């Protein structure tokens, strides 16, 4: 059997297993193990061991549990709830104000966590009940929470960009700074869409009544405004030493986690239950990530051993004779399609090594390409039929948020994300200006 045929068979088998409901790491790992042993005999079993050892040497992965723990401390100690109350009071009187406040909440949560799942959990538990109570349209509620939570993988400290940095051998600090402006730009586009949509149809997102606004004392408004200072303190405590080179990436993540604990202690909310829930949840998510990465590394080793990387490169550049921008667009489209079936971590570890080599060969900036990849992951998170956030939303939302409602709700936001992707592709300096200014790249 030709090696190209084996590679196609591996990939199609893996996708088929995922469609039938198998766990991501189980599907990837099973195909990798069977293929390795079939091709190389008992020696193929060493690939899994090698993947584990490679994973253990990736010291930046220590940031993963730190960032996850930080996000759960924020959530369980109700610091995120304070933030939402602030946005509720200050933006509630505007048409679509709570939806705008939800996007801003997600931006601040993203700046303290780095994962989409944490933003989704906070949005579904804090923002969703309030939006439902205010008679917001279900499509608006579902779309805002899903789109807003996806910002966690673009705005620093993004865990996805940490993994990309390991694969592309690019500085994490540069990638984090490169993701900041595109992330804020996407959030601004979300808010602009909400404003325009609610101006056209105010019934989608009713504003707070004048009586409700008048009933809130000015002192209470100012007190809630101060609630926004704690998240800024956590973000500054983590990022300033790291950007200035005073701490390593791992040390910065520890500073961030400790800052979240200090903030919870100051508020008098760091209880035994908060610590236990945050620790257990962190352990569960960290183990899940490590299983996926181990399986994906094994799969990637087999895939690469078949020469699939060179075959894909030759197919694009020689067989099809495509130009650099045509290849880039095809890579982004393939990421969107794969993202319907694969977790972003699995997709990154399996396919990104090949595409990074292609991008480098085509003389594209790998920092800029990392941001394009991450935005494409965000789009894939929301793209039916198997977008990751779609099923998270279904699992966390009330029964009236059916899958058809959830699917329909994301379509306008997917178009906004595509607009952001195209904007960053046409104007690379949106991503590159900040790292160039800070580090003189």
Protein backbone atom coordinates (compact mmCIF):
# COMPACT_ATOMS: atom_id res chain seq x y z
CA UNK A 1 0.00 0.00 0.00
CA UNK A 2 1.28 3.47 -0.92
CA UNK A 3 2.30 5.68 2.01
CA UNK A 4 -0.04 8.43 0.79
CA UNK A 5 -2.95 5.97 0.92
CA UNK A 6 -1.99 4.92 4.46
CA UNK A 7 -1.90 8.59 5.57
CA UNK A 8 -5.36 9.23 4.09
CA UNK A 9 -6.69 6.04 5.71
CA UNK A 10 -5.30 7.11 9.11
CA UNK A 11 -6.87 10.54 8.94
CA UNK A 12 -10.25 9.31 7.69
CA UNK A 13 -10.38 6.56 10.37
CA UNK A 14 -9.64 9.11 13.07
CA UNK A 15 -12.40 11.45 11.83
CA UNK A 16 -14.87 8.55 11.59
CA UNK A 17 -14.16 7.55 15.20
CA UNK A 18 -14.74 11.13 16.37
CA UNK A 19 -18.01 11.41 14.45
CA UNK A 20 -19.25 8.26 16.20
CA UNK A 21 -18.66 9.92 19.58
CA UNK A 22 -15.30 8.53 20.67
CA UNK A 23 -13.14 10.68 22.94
CA UNK A 24 -10.66 12.86 21.04
CA UNK A 25 -7.52 11.46 22.68
CA UNK A 26 -8.86 7.88 22.35
CA UNK A 27 -9.52 8.23 18.61
CA UNK A 28 -6.18 9.88 17.86
CA UNK A 29 -4.18 7.57 20.12
CA UNK A 30 -5.85 4.37 18.85
CA UNK A 31 -5.15 5.21 15.19
CA UNK A 32 -1.56 6.21 16.04
CA UNK A 33 -0.82 2.99 17.96
CA UNK A 34 -2.42 0.65 15.40
CA UNK A 35 -0.66 2.39 12.50
CA UNK A 36 2.73 2.45 14.27
CA UNK A 37 2.66 -1.26 15.19
CA UNK A 38 1.31 -2.26 11.75
CA UNK A 39 4.04 -0.33 9.94
CA UNK A 40 7.06 -0.85 12.18
CA UNK A 41 6.18 -3.85 14.36
CA UNK A 42 6.92 -3.87 18.08
CA UNK A 43 9.40 -1.01 17.60
CA UNK A 44 6.43 1.21 16.76
CA UNK A 45 5.35 1.11 20.41
CA UNK A 46 8.31 3.35 21.23
CA UNK A 47 6.54 6.26 19.49
CA UNK A 48 4.04 6.62 22.33
CA UNK A 49 6.81 6.51 24.92
CA UNK A 50 8.79 9.08 22.94
CA UNK A 51 5.71 11.32 22.81
CA UNK A 52 5.34 11.17 26.60
CA UNK A 53 9.01 12.02 27.13
CA UNK A 54 8.77 14.94 24.69
CA UNK A 55 5.72 16.20 26.56
CA UNK A 56 7.53 16.01 29.90
CA UNK A 57 10.36 18.16 28.54
CA UNK A 58 7.98 20.95 27.42
CA UNK A 59 8.40 23.08 30.54
CA UNK A 60 6.10 25.87 29.22
CA UNK A 61 3.24 23.36 29.62
CA UNK A 62 3.52 24.07 33.35
CA UNK A 63 1.71 27.30 32.51
CA UNK A 64 -1.43 25.33 31.59
CA UNK A 65 -2.49 24.32 35.13
CA UNK A 66 -1.53 27.77 36.43
CA UNK A 67 -3.75 29.63 33.97
CA UNK A 68 -6.63 27.18 34.41
CA UNK A 69 -6.37 27.44 38.21
CA UNK A 70 -6.35 31.24 37.94
CA UNK A 71 -9.55 31.20 35.87
CA UNK A 72 -11.36 28.86 38.25
CA UNK A 73 -10.36 30.90 41.31
CA UNK A 74 -11.79 33.98 39.55
CA UNK A 75 -15.00 32.09 38.79
CA UNK A 76 -15.54 30.24 42.07
CA UNK A 77 -14.68 33.24 44.26
CA UNK A 78 -17.26 35.28 42.31
CA UNK A 79 -14.73 37.89 41.17
CA UNK A 80 -16.06 37.40 37.65
CA UNK A 81 -19.59 37.92 39.01
CA UNK A 82 -18.52 41.31 40.43
CA UNK A 83 -17.24 42.25 37.00
CA UNK A 84 -20.52 41.31 35.37
CA UNK A 85 -22.49 43.34 37.92
CA UNK A 86 -20.31 46.32 37.03
CA UNK A 87 -21.03 45.91 33.31
CA UNK A 88 -24.71 45.30 34.10
CA UNK A 89 -25.05 48.61 35.95
CA UNK A 90 -22.97 50.73 33.59
CA UNK A 91 -24.10 49.28 30.25
CA UNK A 92 -27.58 47.94 31.11
CA UNK A 93 -29.40 51.20 30.20
CA UNK A 94 -28.18 50.89 26.58
CA UNK A 95 -29.97 48.76 23.96
CA UNK A 96 -27.94 45.56 23.89
CA UNK A 97 -25.98 46.87 26.88
CA UNK A 98 -25.83 43.54 28.73
CA UNK A 99 -24.66 41.77 25.56
CA UNK A 100 -21.91 44.41 25.22
CA UNK A 101 -21.08 43.91 28.89
CA UNK A 102 -20.84 40.15 28.31
CA UNK A 103 -18.29 40.67 25.52
CA UNK A 104 -16.26 43.01 27.75
CA UNK A 105 -16.47 40.47 30.59
CA UNK A 106 -15.10 37.79 28.24
CA UNK A 107 -12.23 40.08 27.23
CA UNK A 108 -11.23 40.52 30.87
CA UNK A 109 -11.66 36.81 31.65
CA UNK A 110 -9.54 35.99 28.58
CA UNK A 111 -6.80 38.25 29.95
CA UNK A 112 -6.68 36.09 33.08
CA UNK A 113 -7.17 32.57 31.76
CA UNK A 114 -6.16 31.68 28.19
CA UNK A 115 -8.82 29.01 27.56
CA UNK A 116 -12.16 29.16 25.77
CA UNK A 117 -13.79 26.65 28.12
CA UNK A 118 -13.34 28.92 31.17
CA UNK A 119 -15.02 31.84 29.41
CA UNK A 120 -17.87 29.57 28.34
CA UNK A 121 -18.35 28.29 31.90
CA UNK A 122 -18.42 31.82 33.32
CA UNK A 123 -20.70 33.11 30.56
CA UNK A 124 -23.17 30.23 30.96
CA UNK A 125 -23.34 30.46 34.76
CA UNK A 126 -23.21 34.25 35.27
CA UNK A 127 -24.27 36.08 32.10
CA UNK A 128 -26.82 33.67 30.63
CA UNK A 129 -29.37 33.70 33.52
CA UNK A 130 -29.32 37.51 33.66
CA UNK A 131 -29.74 37.83 29.88
CA UNK A 132 -32.66 35.38 29.95
CA UNK A 133 -34.26 37.29 32.85
CA UNK A 134 -33.98 40.53 30.84
CA UNK A 135 -35.88 38.89 27.94
CA UNK A 136 -32.95 38.96 25.51
CA UNK A 137 -33.48 37.01 22.30
CA UNK A 138 -32.20 33.41 22.61
CA UNK A 139 -30.19 33.68 19.40
CA UNK A 140 -28.48 36.83 20.69
CA UNK A 141 -27.71 35.25 24.08
CA UNK A 142 -26.27 32.05 22.64
CA UNK A 143 -24.21 33.83 19.96
CA UNK A 144 -22.75 36.42 22.34
CA UNK A 145 -21.65 33.86 24.94
CA UNK A 146 -20.11 31.46 22.44
CA UNK A 147 -18.34 34.14 20.40
CA UNK A 148 -17.15 36.02 23.49
CA UNK A 149 -15.74 32.88 25.12
CA UNK A 150 -13.67 32.09 22.01
CA UNK A 151 -11.58 35.24 22.69
CA UNK A 152 -9.74 33.27 25.39
CA UNK A 153 -7.50 31.53 22.86
CA UNK A 154 -6.38 34.79 21.20
CA UNK A 155 -6.01 37.41 23.93
CA UNK A 156 -2.96 36.77 26.16
CA UNK A 157 -2.22 34.66 28.11
CA UNK A 158 -3.41 32.22 25.42
CA UNK A 159 -2.58 28.55 26.04
CA UNK A 160 -3.01 27.80 22.31
CA UNK A 161 -0.33 30.38 21.47
CA UNK A 162 1.98 28.76 24.04
CA UNK A 163 1.60 25.42 22.24
CA UNK A 164 2.05 27.08 18.84
CA UNK A 165 5.24 28.74 20.12
CA UNK A 166 6.64 25.31 21.02
CA UNK A 167 5.89 23.89 17.58
CA UNK A 168 6.96 26.92 15.52
CA UNK A 169 9.90 27.72 17.84
CA UNK A 170 8.80 31.32 18.22
CA UNK A 171 8.94 33.44 21.41
CA UNK A 172 5.73 33.19 23.45
CA UNK A 173 6.07 36.84 24.51
CA UNK A 174 6.01 37.97 20.87
CA UNK A 175 2.98 35.80 20.11
CA UNK A 176 1.05 37.04 23.13
CA UNK A 177 1.65 40.66 22.18
CA UNK A 178 0.76 39.85 18.57
CA UNK A 179 -2.58 38.40 19.68
CA UNK A 180 -3.60 41.38 21.79
CA UNK A 181 -4.65 43.90 19.12
CA UNK A 182 -6.41 41.34 16.85
CA UNK A 183 -8.25 40.04 19.93
CA UNK A 184 -9.39 43.53 20.92
CA UNK A 185 -10.28 44.27 17.28
CA UNK A 186 -12.47 41.17 17.13
CA UNK A 187 -14.17 42.14 20.41
CA UNK A 188 -14.77 45.64 18.98
CA UNK A 189 -16.33 44.12 15.84
CA UNK A 190 -18.60 41.94 18.04
CA UNK A 191 -19.74 45.04 19.95
CA UNK A 192 -20.28 46.97 16.72
CA UNK A 193 -22.45 44.14 15.38
CA UNK A 194 -24.50 44.07 18.63
CA UNK A 195 -25.01 47.86 18.55
CA UNK A 196 -26.11 47.89 14.90
CA UNK A 197 -28.37 44.84 15.32
CA UNK A 198 -30.03 46.26 18.44
CA UNK A 199 -30.51 49.67 16.82
CA UNK A 200 -32.36 47.91 14.00
CA UNK A 201 -34.42 45.75 16.36
CA UNK A 202 -34.40 46.91 20.03
CA UNK A 203 -36.69 44.02 21.01
CA UNK A 204 -33.72 41.64 20.65
CA UNK A 205 -32.02 43.15 23.69
CA UNK A 206 -34.26 45.32 25.90
CA UNK A 207 -32.50 48.04 27.89
CA UNK A 208 -32.91 48.54 31.65
CA UNK A 209 -35.80 50.84 32.50
CA UNK A 210 -35.17 54.37 33.79
CA UNK A 211 -36.72 53.37 37.12
CA UNK A 212 -34.20 50.53 37.56
CA UNK A 213 -31.30 52.82 36.70
CA UNK A 214 -32.50 55.54 39.09
CA UNK A 215 -32.91 52.97 41.89
CA UNK A 216 -29.16 52.20 41.88
CA UNK A 217 -27.31 54.64 44.18
CA UNK A 218 -24.35 56.50 42.70
CA UNK A 219 -22.16 55.16 45.49
CA UNK A 220 -23.05 51.59 44.47
CA UNK A 221 -22.13 52.36 40.85
CA UNK A 222 -18.71 53.67 41.89
CA UNK A 223 -18.17 50.67 44.17
CA UNK A 224 -18.91 48.30 41.30
CA UNK A 225 -16.61 50.29 39.03
CA UNK A 226 -13.77 49.54 41.44
CA UNK A 227 -14.49 45.83 40.93
CA UNK A 228 -12.81 46.17 37.55
CA UNK A 229 -9.49 47.14 39.14
CA UNK A 230 -8.76 43.68 40.60
CA UNK A 231 -8.65 41.87 37.22
CA UNK A 232 -6.42 44.65 35.88
CA UNK A 233 -4.12 44.14 38.89
CA UNK A 234 -3.93 40.38 38.15
CA UNK A 235 -3.19 40.95 34.47
CA UNK A 236 -0.55 43.62 35.20
CA UNK A 237 1.10 41.54 37.94
CA UNK A 238 1.50 38.69 35.47
CA UNK A 239 2.33 40.46 32.19
CA UNK A 240 4.56 43.40 33.17
CA UNK A 241 7.38 41.28 34.68
CA UNK A 242 7.15 38.80 31.80
CA UNK A 243 7.23 41.38 28.98
CA UNK A 244 10.16 43.14 30.66
CA UNK A 245 12.07 39.86 30.98
CA UNK A 246 12.05 39.83 34.79
CA UNK A 247 10.28 36.46 34.91
CA UNK A 248 10.11 33.44 32.64
CA UNK A 249 6.83 32.28 31.10
CA UNK A 250 6.34 29.63 33.79
CA UNK A 251 7.15 32.07 36.59
CA UNK A 252 4.70 34.61 35.13
CA UNK A 253 1.92 32.02 35.17
CA UNK A 254 2.63 31.28 38.84
CA UNK A 255 2.53 35.04 39.61
CA UNK A 256 -0.85 35.22 37.84
CA UNK A 257 -2.28 32.30 39.81
CA UNK A 258 -1.00 33.73 43.11
CA UNK A 259 -2.41 37.16 42.21
CA UNK A 260 -5.85 35.62 41.65
CA UNK A 261 -5.62 33.91 45.06
CA UNK A 262 -4.55 37.20 46.72
CA UNK A 263 -7.48 39.01 45.07
CA UNK A 264 -9.89 36.33 46.35
CA UNK A 265 -8.37 36.57 49.85
CA UNK A 266 -8.72 40.37 49.84
CA UNK A 267 -12.41 39.92 49.01
CA UNK A 268 -12.71 37.33 51.80
CA UNK A 269 -13.87 34.64 49.38
CA UNK A 270 -10.98 32.19 49.20
CA UNK A 271 -12.66 29.34 51.10
CA UNK A 272 -11.81 25.65 51.34
CA UNK A 273 -14.58 24.87 48.80
CA UNK A 274 -13.21 27.40 46.31
CA UNK A 275 -9.72 25.91 46.62
CA UNK A 276 -11.00 22.33 46.27
CA UNK A 277 -13.22 23.01 43.25
CA UNK A 278 -10.50 25.05 41.51
CA UNK A 279 -7.87 22.35 42.16
CA UNK A 280 -10.05 19.43 41.05
CA UNK A 281 -11.20 21.26 37.89
CA UNK A 282 -7.62 22.27 37.08
CA UNK A 283 -6.46 18.67 37.43
CA UNK A 284 -9.26 17.36 35.18
CA UNK A 285 -8.61 19.89 32.40
CA UNK A 286 -4.82 19.54 32.60
CA UNK A 287 -4.99 15.74 32.34
CA UNK A 288 -7.39 16.00 29.40
CA UNK A 289 -5.02 18.37 27.58
CA UNK A 290 -1.99 16.18 28.25
CA UNK A 291 -3.76 13.05 26.99
CA UNK A 292 -4.77 14.85 23.79
CA UNK A 293 -1.27 16.24 23.24
CA UNK A 294 0.38 12.85 23.89
CA UNK A 295 -1.96 11.11 21.44
CA UNK A 296 -1.53 13.89 18.88
CA UNK A 297 2.29 13.76 19.14
CA UNK A 298 2.18 9.99 18.50
CA UNK A 299 -0.13 10.49 15.53
CA UNK A 300 2.08 13.26 14.18
CA UNK A 301 5.19 11.07 14.50
CA UNK A 302 3.58 8.29 12.42
CA UNK A 303 2.17 10.81 9.95
CA UNK A 304 5.59 12.41 9.53
CA UNK A 305 7.33 9.03 9.36
CA UNK A 306 5.24 8.23 6.30
CA UNK A 307 6.61 11.34 4.60
CA UNK A 308 3.17 12.96 4.62
CA UNK A 309 4.66 16.36 5.48
CA UNK A 310 6.80 16.44 2.34
CA UNK A 311 3.96 15.00 0.27
CA UNK A 312 1.60 17.80 1.34
CA UNK A 313 4.26 20.43 0.66
CA UNK A 314 5.00 19.01 -2.81
CA UNK A 315 1.28 18.72 -3.56
CA UNK A 316 0.65 22.42 -2.87
CA UNK A 317 3.79 23.90 -4.38
CA UNK A 318 4.64 21.56 -7.26
CA UNK A 319 1.62 19.48 -8.27
CA UNK A 320 -0.91 22.29 -8.02
CA UNK A 321 1.59 25.07 -8.75
CA UNK A 322 -0.16 27.49 -6.41
CA UNK A 323 1.14 30.90 -5.35
CA UNK A 324 1.96 31.76 -1.72
CA UNK A 325 -1.34 33.51 -0.94
CA UNK A 326 -3.39 30.76 -2.57
CA UNK A 327 -1.61 28.17 -0.41
CA UNK A 328 -2.17 30.33 2.69
CA UNK A 329 -5.92 30.61 2.01
CA UNK A 330 -6.19 26.86 1.42
CA UNK A 331 -4.38 26.18 4.71
CA UNK A 332 -6.80 28.42 6.58
CA UNK A 333 -9.82 26.80 4.93
CA UNK A 334 -8.51 23.34 5.81
CA UNK A 335 -8.10 24.41 9.45
CA UNK A 336 -11.74 25.54 9.53
CA UNK A 337 -12.90 22.19 8.08
CA UNK A 338 -10.71 20.15 10.45
CA UNK A 339 -11.85 22.28 13.38
CA UNK A 340 -15.37 20.92 12.87
CA UNK A 341 -14.07 17.52 13.98
CA UNK A 342 -10.85 18.09 15.96
CA UNK A 343 -10.03 19.86 19.20
CA UNK A 344 -7.76 22.88 18.59
CA UNK A 345 -4.92 21.25 20.55
CA UNK A 346 -5.09 18.05 18.52
CA UNK A 347 -5.31 20.02 15.28
CA UNK A 348 -2.32 22.13 16.29
CA UNK A 349 -0.04 19.23 17.20
CA UNK A 350 -1.03 17.04 14.21
CA UNK A 351 -1.24 19.50 11.31
CA UNK A 352 0.52 22.72 12.38
CA UNK A 353 4.08 21.30 12.12
CA UNK A 354 3.46 20.68 8.39
CA UNK A 355 1.81 24.04 7.82
CA UNK A 356 4.45 25.94 9.79
CA UNK A 357 7.11 24.50 7.46
CA UNK A 358 4.99 25.55 4.48
CA UNK A 359 4.51 29.07 5.83
CA UNK A 360 8.25 29.37 6.47
CA UNK A 361 9.06 28.12 2.97
CA UNK A 362 6.68 30.73 1.53
CA UNK A 363 8.45 33.49 3.54
CA UNK A 364 5.46 34.32 5.73
CA UNK A 365 6.14 35.70 9.20
CA UNK A 366 5.55 32.83 11.66
CA UNK A 367 4.32 35.18 14.41
CA UNK A 368 1.69 36.59 12.06
CA UNK A 369 0.82 33.10 10.81
CA UNK A 370 0.31 31.94 14.42
CA UNK A 371 -2.31 34.66 14.90
CA UNK A 372 -4.05 33.65 11.66
CA UNK A 373 -4.09 30.04 12.85
CA UNK A 374 -5.56 31.04 16.22
CA UNK A 375 -8.32 33.17 14.65
CA UNK A 376 -9.15 30.24 12.35
CA UNK A 377 -9.38 28.01 15.44
CA UNK A 378 -11.89 30.46 16.92
CA UNK A 379 -13.99 30.21 13.76
CA UNK A 380 -13.74 26.41 13.82
CA UNK A 381 -14.92 26.43 17.47
CA UNK A 382 -18.24 27.95 16.32
CA UNK A 383 -18.71 26.19 12.98
CA UNK A 384 -21.46 23.53 12.74
CA UNK A 385 -21.86 20.60 12.82
CA UNK A 386 -19.15 19.71 15.40
CA UNK A 387 -17.75 23.04 16.63
CA UNK A 388 -16.36 22.63 20.15
CA UNK A 389 -18.21 25.60 21.67
CA UNK A 390 -21.54 24.49 20.18
CA UNK A 391 -21.60 21.37 22.33
CA UNK A 392 -20.25 23.16 25.38
CA UNK A 393 -23.13 25.62 25.05
CA UNK A 394 -25.64 22.78 24.68
CA UNK A 395 -24.25 21.08 27.81
CA UNK A 396 -24.33 24.24 29.94
CA UNK A 397 -27.44 26.09 28.72
CA UNK A 398 -31.10 25.46 29.72
CA UNK A 399 -33.20 23.02 27.68
CA UNK A 400 -34.85 25.76 25.57
CA UNK A 401 -31.47 26.42 23.92
CA UNK A 402 -31.80 23.60 21.40
CA UNK A 403 -29.08 22.66 18.91
CA UNK A 404 -30.88 24.40 15.98
CA UNK A 405 -31.01 27.61 18.07
CA UNK A 406 -27.34 27.26 19.02
CA UNK A 407 -26.31 26.59 15.41
CA UNK A 408 -28.25 29.58 14.04
CA UNK A 409 -27.03 31.92 16.77
CA UNK A 410 -23.35 31.70 15.82
CA UNK A 411 -23.63 32.43 12.10
CA UNK A 412 -23.45 36.28 12.34
CA UNK A 413 -20.50 36.03 14.74
CA UNK A 414 -18.69 33.59 12.43
CA UNK A 415 -19.02 36.19 9.67
CA UNK A 416 -17.58 38.84 12.03
CA UNK A 417 -14.66 36.51 12.82
CA UNK A 418 -14.05 35.93 9.11
CA UNK A 419 -14.00 39.70 8.67
CA UNK A 420 -11.37 39.96 11.41
CA UNK A 421 -9.31 37.17 9.83
CA UNK A 422 -9.37 38.85 6.42
CA UNK A 423 -8.48 42.22 7.99
CA UNK A 424 -5.43 40.76 9.78
CA UNK A 425 -4.39 38.93 6.59
CA UNK A 426 -4.55 42.14 4.54
CA UNK A 427 -2.95 44.27 7.27
CA UNK A 428 -0.30 42.10 9.01
CA UNK A 429 0.87 45.05 11.12
CA UNK A 430 -2.27 44.75 13.24
CA UNK A 431 -0.60 41.65 14.69
CA UNK A 432 3.06 42.59 14.23
CA UNK A 433 3.16 46.23 15.32
CA UNK A 434 3.07 45.59 19.08
CA UNK A 435 5.84 42.93 19.23
CA UNK A 436 7.96 44.98 16.81
CA UNK A 437 7.51 48.09 18.98
CA UNK A 438 8.25 46.33 22.27
CA UNK A 439 10.99 43.96 21.15
CA UNK A 440 12.21 45.58 17.94
CA UNK A 441 11.60 42.47 15.84
